[in-house]
Amino acid sequence: MANYKILTEVSSEVSDSSKLVVAIDGATTLTLTNFYDTLASSLHFPDYFQHNLDSFDEVINDLEWIEEKEVLFVFKNYDEFLTEENDEMREILLTILDDAATESKIKDDGTVIRFSIEPSELAVDDLETVGIEFTI
């Protein structure tokens, strides 16, 4: 089952008691540091989180402190996402996130993770390049 959905219009999803919606705005996440800061703030990462891929992978696969049963990441302005990094870094992050979402579906007591991306041909290209399944 696909963890990513490419939207046909701008998302109107909002958080509620069972779902946490985390906006990742490409216009403000031009670097990995911006991305880490956005998620660390939105998801209240633990103090041991370090700004690197290994630490991010560990934390995003845990999320035991999240009370909601679902976390929906909504990518806005995807065409600007990590533009100050190389394409490979964006693809690595998409893969880490996809793996975390797949793992979250296996855990009985965990929080389910899924992703929506507002309309973006670049997102389709990125997901296809790394072989990540998605729906439209």
N, C-alpha and C. Protein backbone atom coordinates (compact mmCIF):
# COMPACT_ATOMS: atom_id res chain seq x y z
N MET A 1 0.84 -1.18 0.00
CA MET A 1 0.00 0.00 0.00
C MET A 1 0.89 1.25 0.00
N ALA A 2 0.53 2.20 -0.79
CA ALA A 2 1.30 3.43 -0.93
C ALA A 2 1.20 4.30 0.32
N ASN A 3 2.34 4.86 0.72
CA ASN A 3 2.39 5.76 1.87
C ASN A 3 2.26 7.22 1.44
N TYR A 4 2.50 7.49 0.15
CA TYR A 4 2.46 8.85 -0.38
C TYR A 4 1.25 9.02 -1.29
N LYS A 5 0.65 10.19 -1.20
CA LYS A 5 -0.44 10.55 -2.11
C LYS A 5 -0.11 11.91 -2.69
N ILE A 6 -0.14 12.00 -4.02
CA ILE A 6 0.02 13.28 -4.70
C ILE A 6 -1.38 13.87 -4.84
N LEU A 7 -1.58 15.01 -4.23
CA LEU A 7 -2.88 15.65 -4.25
C LEU A 7 -3.12 16.37 -5.57
N THR A 8 -4.39 16.58 -5.89
CA THR A 8 -4.73 17.32 -7.10
C THR A 8 -5.04 18.78 -6.78
N GLU A 9 -5.09 19.09 -5.49
CA GLU A 9 -5.33 20.47 -5.06
C GLU A 9 -4.65 20.70 -3.71
N VAL A 10 -4.69 21.91 -3.23
CA VAL A 10 -4.08 22.26 -1.96
C VAL A 10 -4.80 21.53 -0.82
N SER A 11 -4.04 21.04 0.13
CA SER A 11 -4.59 20.28 1.25
C SER A 11 -5.38 21.17 2.20
N SER A 12 -6.46 20.60 2.72
CA SER A 12 -7.25 21.30 3.73
C SER A 12 -7.26 20.50 5.04
N GLU A 13 -6.37 19.53 5.15
CA GLU A 13 -6.30 18.68 6.34
C GLU A 13 -5.91 19.50 7.57
N VAL A 14 -6.53 19.20 8.69
CA VAL A 14 -6.19 19.85 9.96
C VAL A 14 -6.07 18.78 11.05
N SER A 15 -5.30 19.12 12.06
CA SER A 15 -5.13 18.20 13.19
C SER A 15 -6.43 18.09 13.98
N ASP A 16 -6.63 16.92 14.59
CA ASP A 16 -7.72 16.73 15.53
C ASP A 16 -7.24 15.76 16.61
N SER A 17 -8.12 15.23 17.41
CA SER A 17 -7.70 14.40 18.54
C SER A 17 -7.05 13.09 18.13
N SER A 18 -7.31 12.62 16.93
CA SER A 18 -6.72 11.35 16.49
C SER A 18 -5.66 11.51 15.40
N LYS A 19 -5.53 12.72 14.85
CA LYS A 19 -4.61 12.93 13.73
C LYS A 19 -3.82 14.21 13.93
N LEU A 20 -2.50 14.09 13.77
CA LEU A 20 -1.61 15.25 13.82
C LEU A 20 -1.18 15.57 12.39
N VAL A 21 -1.47 16.77 11.92
CA VAL A 21 -1.08 17.19 10.58
C VAL A 21 0.16 18.07 10.71
N VAL A 22 1.22 17.66 10.03
CA VAL A 22 2.49 18.39 10.06
C VAL A 22 2.76 18.94 8.67
N ALA A 23 2.77 20.26 8.55
CA ALA A 23 3.05 20.90 7.26
C ALA A 23 4.55 21.03 7.07
N ILE A 24 5.01 20.61 5.92
CA ILE A 24 6.41 20.79 5.52
C ILE A 24 6.37 21.70 4.30
N ASP A 25 6.69 22.95 4.52
CA ASP A 25 6.62 23.95 3.45
C ASP A 25 7.98 24.06 2.78
N GLY A 26 8.04 23.65 1.53
CA GLY A 26 9.29 23.71 0.78
C GLY A 26 9.90 25.09 0.74
N ALA A 27 9.07 26.12 0.81
CA ALA A 27 9.56 27.50 0.77
C ALA A 27 10.38 27.85 2.00
N THR A 28 10.17 27.11 3.10
CA THR A 28 10.93 27.38 4.33
C THR A 28 11.81 26.22 4.74
N THR A 29 11.83 25.16 3.95
CA THR A 29 12.71 24.02 4.23
C THR A 29 13.65 23.81 3.04
N LEU A 30 14.48 24.80 2.82
CA LEU A 30 15.41 24.78 1.70
C LEU A 30 16.65 23.94 2.00
N THR A 31 16.93 23.74 3.29
CA THR A 31 18.12 22.98 3.71
C THR A 31 17.70 21.86 4.65
N LEU A 32 18.60 20.92 4.86
CA LEU A 32 18.35 19.86 5.83
C LEU A 32 18.13 20.42 7.23
N THR A 33 18.92 21.43 7.58
CA THR A 33 18.76 22.05 8.89
C THR A 33 17.36 22.61 9.05
N ASN A 34 16.85 23.30 8.03
CA ASN A 34 15.47 23.82 8.08
C ASN A 34 14.47 22.68 8.26
N PHE A 35 14.68 21.60 7.52
CA PHE A 35 13.80 20.43 7.59
C PHE A 35 13.81 19.83 8.99
N TYR A 36 15.01 19.58 9.52
CA TYR A 36 15.12 19.01 10.87
C TYR A 36 14.46 19.92 11.90
N ASP A 37 14.70 21.22 11.81
CA ASP A 37 14.11 22.17 12.76
C ASP A 37 12.59 22.16 12.69
N THR A 38 12.05 22.10 11.48
CA THR A 38 10.60 22.07 11.30
C THR A 38 10.00 20.84 11.96
N LEU A 39 10.57 19.68 11.68
CA LEU A 39 10.02 18.45 12.25
C LEU A 39 10.27 18.34 13.74
N ALA A 40 11.45 18.76 14.19
CA ALA A 40 11.75 18.70 15.62
C ALA A 40 10.77 19.55 16.41
N SER A 41 10.41 20.70 15.87
CA SER A 41 9.46 21.59 16.53
C SER A 41 8.03 21.04 16.45
N SER A 42 7.61 20.61 15.28
CA SER A 42 6.25 20.12 15.08
C SER A 42 5.96 18.83 15.82
N LEU A 43 6.97 17.96 15.88
CA LEU A 43 6.78 16.64 16.49
C LEU A 43 7.38 16.54 17.89
N HIS A 44 7.93 17.65 18.38
CA HIS A 44 8.51 17.68 19.72
C HIS A 44 9.54 16.55 19.91
N PHE A 45 10.52 16.53 18.99
CA PHE A 45 11.56 15.51 19.07
C PHE A 45 12.22 15.53 20.44
N PRO A 46 12.65 14.39 20.92
CA PRO A 46 13.34 14.32 22.21
C PRO A 46 14.69 15.04 22.17
N ASP A 47 15.19 15.35 23.36
CA ASP A 47 16.45 16.09 23.48
C ASP A 47 17.64 15.39 22.84
N TYR A 48 17.60 14.06 22.75
CA TYR A 48 18.74 13.34 22.19
C TYR A 48 18.82 13.43 20.66
N PHE A 49 17.81 14.03 20.01
CA PHE A 49 17.85 14.16 18.55
C PHE A 49 19.03 15.03 18.12
N GLN A 50 19.78 14.53 17.16
CA GLN A 50 20.88 15.26 16.54
C GLN A 50 20.50 15.57 15.10
N HIS A 51 21.03 16.63 14.56
CA HIS A 51 20.72 17.04 13.18
C HIS A 51 21.53 16.23 12.17
N ASN A 52 21.20 14.94 12.05
CA ASN A 52 21.83 14.09 11.03
C ASN A 52 20.87 12.98 10.63
N LEU A 53 21.16 12.32 9.52
CA LEU A 53 20.24 11.32 8.97
C LEU A 53 20.03 10.14 9.90
N ASP A 54 21.10 9.66 10.55
CA ASP A 54 20.95 8.51 11.45
C ASP A 54 20.02 8.82 12.61
N SER A 55 20.21 9.97 13.22
CA SER A 55 19.37 10.36 14.34
C SER A 55 17.93 10.59 13.88
N PHE A 56 17.77 11.23 12.73
CA PHE A 56 16.43 11.45 12.18
C PHE A 56 15.72 10.13 11.93
N ASP A 57 16.43 9.18 11.32
CA ASP A 57 15.86 7.86 11.04
C ASP A 57 15.40 7.19 12.34
N GLU A 58 16.21 7.27 13.37
CA GLU A 58 15.86 6.67 14.66
C GLU A 58 14.61 7.32 15.25
N VAL A 59 14.57 8.63 15.26
CA VAL A 59 13.45 9.35 15.89
C VAL A 59 12.15 9.17 15.09
N ILE A 60 12.23 9.26 13.78
CA ILE A 60 11.01 9.17 12.97
C ILE A 60 10.42 7.76 13.01
N ASN A 61 11.24 6.78 13.36
CA ASN A 61 10.75 5.41 13.49
C ASN A 61 10.25 5.10 14.89
N ASP A 62 10.31 6.06 15.78
CA ASP A 62 9.89 5.85 17.16
C ASP A 62 8.54 6.54 17.40
N LEU A 63 8.54 7.82 17.59
CA LEU A 63 7.34 8.65 17.80
C LEU A 63 6.43 8.14 18.92
N GLU A 64 6.99 7.43 19.90
CA GLU A 64 6.18 6.88 20.98
C GLU A 64 5.52 7.96 21.85
N TRP A 65 6.05 9.17 21.81
CA TRP A 65 5.51 10.26 22.62
C TRP A 65 4.31 10.96 21.95
N ILE A 66 4.04 10.62 20.71
CA ILE A 66 2.92 11.22 19.98
C ILE A 66 1.62 10.57 20.45
N GLU A 67 0.67 11.37 20.89
CA GLU A 67 -0.60 10.85 21.39
C GLU A 67 -1.56 10.45 20.27
N GLU A 68 -1.52 11.18 19.16
CA GLU A 68 -2.43 10.90 18.05
C GLU A 68 -2.07 9.55 17.41
N LYS A 69 -3.05 8.89 16.86
CA LYS A 69 -2.85 7.59 16.23
C LYS A 69 -2.38 7.69 14.79
N GLU A 70 -2.41 8.90 14.23
CA GLU A 70 -1.97 9.10 12.85
C GLU A 70 -1.20 10.41 12.76
N VAL A 71 -0.11 10.38 12.00
CA VAL A 71 0.62 11.60 11.68
C VAL A 71 0.59 11.73 10.16
N LEU A 72 0.04 12.83 9.71
CA LEU A 72 -0.03 13.12 8.27
C LEU A 72 0.93 14.27 7.99
N PHE A 73 1.92 14.00 7.17
CA PHE A 73 2.85 15.03 6.72
C PHE A 73 2.32 15.56 5.40
N VAL A 74 2.14 16.88 5.33
CA VAL A 74 1.66 17.50 4.10
C VAL A 74 2.79 18.37 3.54
N PHE A 75 3.29 17.99 2.38
CA PHE A 75 4.32 18.76 1.71
C PHE A 75 3.67 19.84 0.86
N LYS A 76 4.02 21.09 1.17
CA LYS A 76 3.55 22.24 0.40
C LYS A 76 4.75 22.82 -0.34
N ASN A 77 4.54 23.39 -1.50
CA ASN A 77 5.64 24.00 -2.27
C ASN A 77 6.80 23.01 -2.44
N TYR A 78 6.45 21.78 -2.80
CA TYR A 78 7.46 20.72 -2.91
C TYR A 78 8.59 21.08 -3.87
N ASP A 79 8.30 21.82 -4.91
CA ASP A 79 9.32 22.16 -5.90
C ASP A 79 10.47 22.97 -5.30
N GLU A 80 10.25 23.57 -4.13
CA GLU A 80 11.30 24.33 -3.45
C GLU A 80 11.96 23.54 -2.32
N PHE A 81 11.40 22.38 -1.98
CA PHE A 81 11.87 21.56 -0.87
C PHE A 81 13.33 21.14 -1.07
N LEU A 82 14.18 21.50 -0.12
CA LEU A 82 15.60 21.16 -0.09
C LEU A 82 16.35 21.60 -1.35
N THR A 83 15.98 22.73 -1.91
CA THR A 83 16.65 23.19 -3.13
C THR A 83 18.10 23.60 -2.90
N GLU A 84 18.47 23.83 -1.65
CA GLU A 84 19.87 24.14 -1.37
C GLU A 84 20.69 22.88 -1.07
N GLU A 85 20.05 21.72 -1.20
CA GLU A 85 20.72 20.42 -1.07
C GLU A 85 20.71 19.79 -2.46
N ASN A 86 21.33 18.64 -2.60
CA ASN A 86 21.30 17.97 -3.90
C ASN A 86 20.07 17.06 -3.99
N ASP A 87 19.72 16.68 -5.21
CA ASP A 87 18.54 15.84 -5.44
C ASP A 87 18.62 14.54 -4.66
N GLU A 88 19.81 13.98 -4.55
CA GLU A 88 19.98 12.71 -3.84
C GLU A 88 19.55 12.83 -2.37
N MET A 89 19.82 13.94 -1.73
CA MET A 89 19.43 14.11 -0.33
C MET A 89 17.92 14.12 -0.19
N ARG A 90 17.23 14.77 -1.10
CA ARG A 90 15.76 14.79 -1.08
C ARG A 90 15.24 13.36 -1.25
N GLU A 91 15.84 12.61 -2.14
CA GLU A 91 15.42 11.24 -2.39
C GLU A 91 15.71 10.33 -1.20
N ILE A 92 16.83 10.56 -0.53
CA ILE A 92 17.15 9.79 0.69
C ILE A 92 16.10 10.05 1.76
N LEU A 93 15.74 11.32 1.95
CA LEU A 93 14.71 11.64 2.96
C LEU A 93 13.37 11.01 2.61
N LEU A 94 12.98 11.06 1.35
CA LEU A 94 11.72 10.44 0.94
C LEU A 94 11.74 8.94 1.26
N THR A 95 12.88 8.30 1.06
CA THR A 95 13.01 6.87 1.33
C THR A 95 12.95 6.59 2.83
N ILE A 96 13.65 7.38 3.63
CA ILE A 96 13.60 7.21 5.09
C ILE A 96 12.17 7.37 5.58
N LEU A 97 11.48 8.38 5.08
CA LEU A 97 10.09 8.62 5.49
C LEU A 97 9.18 7.48 5.05
N ASP A 98 9.37 6.99 3.83
CA ASP A 98 8.56 5.88 3.33
C ASP A 98 8.78 4.63 4.18
N ASP A 99 10.03 4.35 4.51
CA ASP A 99 10.34 3.19 5.35
C ASP A 99 9.69 3.33 6.72
N ALA A 100 9.73 4.53 7.30
CA ALA A 100 9.12 4.76 8.61
C ALA A 100 7.61 4.55 8.54
N ALA A 101 6.99 5.01 7.46
CA ALA A 101 5.55 4.84 7.30
C ALA A 101 5.19 3.37 7.17
N THR A 102 5.97 2.63 6.39
CA THR A 102 5.73 1.20 6.24
C THR A 102 5.88 0.49 7.59
N GLU A 103 6.91 0.83 8.32
CA GLU A 103 7.15 0.24 9.64
C GLU A 103 6.03 0.59 10.61
N SER A 104 5.51 1.81 10.52
CA SER A 104 4.45 2.24 11.45
C SER A 104 3.18 1.41 11.27
N LYS A 105 2.95 0.89 10.09
CA LYS A 105 1.75 0.08 9.84
C LYS A 105 1.87 -1.31 10.45
N ILE A 106 3.09 -1.74 10.72
CA ILE A 106 3.34 -3.07 11.27
C ILE A 106 3.19 -3.07 12.79
N LYS A 107 3.55 -1.96 13.41
CA LYS A 107 3.49 -1.86 14.87
C LYS A 107 2.04 -1.79 15.34
N ASP A 108 1.70 -2.60 16.31
CA ASP A 108 0.34 -2.62 16.84
C ASP A 108 0.01 -1.40 17.68
N ASP A 109 0.99 -0.90 18.41
CA ASP A 109 0.74 0.19 19.34
C ASP A 109 1.30 1.52 18.85
N GLY A 110 1.79 1.56 17.64
CA GLY A 110 2.45 2.76 17.13
C GLY A 110 1.51 3.72 16.44
N THR A 111 2.07 4.84 16.08
CA THR A 111 1.37 5.87 15.35
C THR A 111 1.58 5.63 13.86
N VAL A 112 0.51 5.62 13.09
CA VAL A 112 0.60 5.40 11.65
C VAL A 112 1.01 6.71 10.98
N ILE A 113 1.95 6.60 10.06
CA ILE A 113 2.47 7.76 9.34
C ILE A 113 2.04 7.67 7.88
N ARG A 114 1.64 8.80 7.32
CA ARG A 114 1.36 8.87 5.88
C ARG A 114 1.70 10.26 5.38
N PHE A 115 1.75 10.41 4.05
CA PHE A 115 2.21 11.64 3.43
C PHE A 115 1.30 12.07 2.31
N SER A 116 1.06 13.37 2.25
CA SER A 116 0.37 13.97 1.11
C SER A 116 1.29 15.04 0.55
N ILE A 117 1.31 15.14 -0.76
CA ILE A 117 2.12 16.16 -1.42
C ILE A 117 1.20 16.96 -2.32
N GLU A 118 1.16 18.27 -2.07
CA GLU A 118 0.34 19.12 -2.93
C GLU A 118 0.88 19.03 -4.35
N PRO A 119 0.06 19.33 -5.36
CA PRO A 119 0.43 19.10 -6.76
C PRO A 119 1.87 19.49 -7.10
N SER A 120 2.63 18.51 -7.64
CA SER A 120 4.03 18.75 -7.99
C SER A 120 4.52 17.66 -8.93
N GLU A 121 4.94 18.06 -10.12
CA GLU A 121 5.54 17.10 -11.05
C GLU A 121 6.90 16.63 -10.53
N LEU A 122 7.64 17.52 -9.85
CA LEU A 122 8.93 17.14 -9.29
C LEU A 122 8.76 16.02 -8.26
N ALA A 123 7.72 16.10 -7.46
CA ALA A 123 7.48 15.04 -6.47
C ALA A 123 7.22 13.71 -7.15
N VAL A 124 6.42 13.72 -8.20
CA VAL A 124 6.17 12.50 -8.97
C VAL A 124 7.49 11.96 -9.51
N ASP A 125 8.31 12.83 -10.09
CA ASP A 125 9.61 12.41 -10.63
C ASP A 125 10.50 11.82 -9.54
N ASP A 126 10.56 12.49 -8.38
CA ASP A 126 11.40 12.00 -7.27
C ASP A 126 10.94 10.62 -6.80
N LEU A 127 9.65 10.47 -6.58
CA LEU A 127 9.12 9.20 -6.10
C LEU A 127 9.35 8.09 -7.12
N GLU A 128 9.14 8.39 -8.38
CA GLU A 128 9.39 7.39 -9.43
C GLU A 128 10.87 7.04 -9.52
N THR A 129 11.74 8.02 -9.39
CA THR A 129 13.19 7.79 -9.46
C THR A 129 13.66 6.80 -8.42
N VAL A 130 13.16 6.92 -7.20
CA VAL A 130 13.60 6.02 -6.13
C VAL A 130 12.69 4.79 -5.98
N GLY A 131 11.67 4.70 -6.81
CA GLY A 131 10.81 3.52 -6.80
C GLY A 131 9.85 3.45 -5.63
N ILE A 132 9.39 4.60 -5.17
CA ILE A 132 8.44 4.64 -4.06
C ILE A 132 7.03 4.69 -4.64
N GLU A 133 6.21 3.78 -4.16
CA GLU A 133 4.82 3.71 -4.62
C GLU A 133 4.03 4.92 -4.10
N PHE A 134 3.15 5.43 -4.94
CA PHE A 134 2.29 6.55 -4.54
C PHE A 134 0.98 6.47 -5.29
N THR A 135 0.00 7.22 -4.78
CA THR A 135 -1.30 7.30 -5.46
C THR A 135 -1.55 8.77 -5.81
N ILE A 136 -2.48 8.96 -6.71
CA ILE A 136 -2.89 10.31 -7.11
C ILE A 136 -4.38 10.43 -6.87
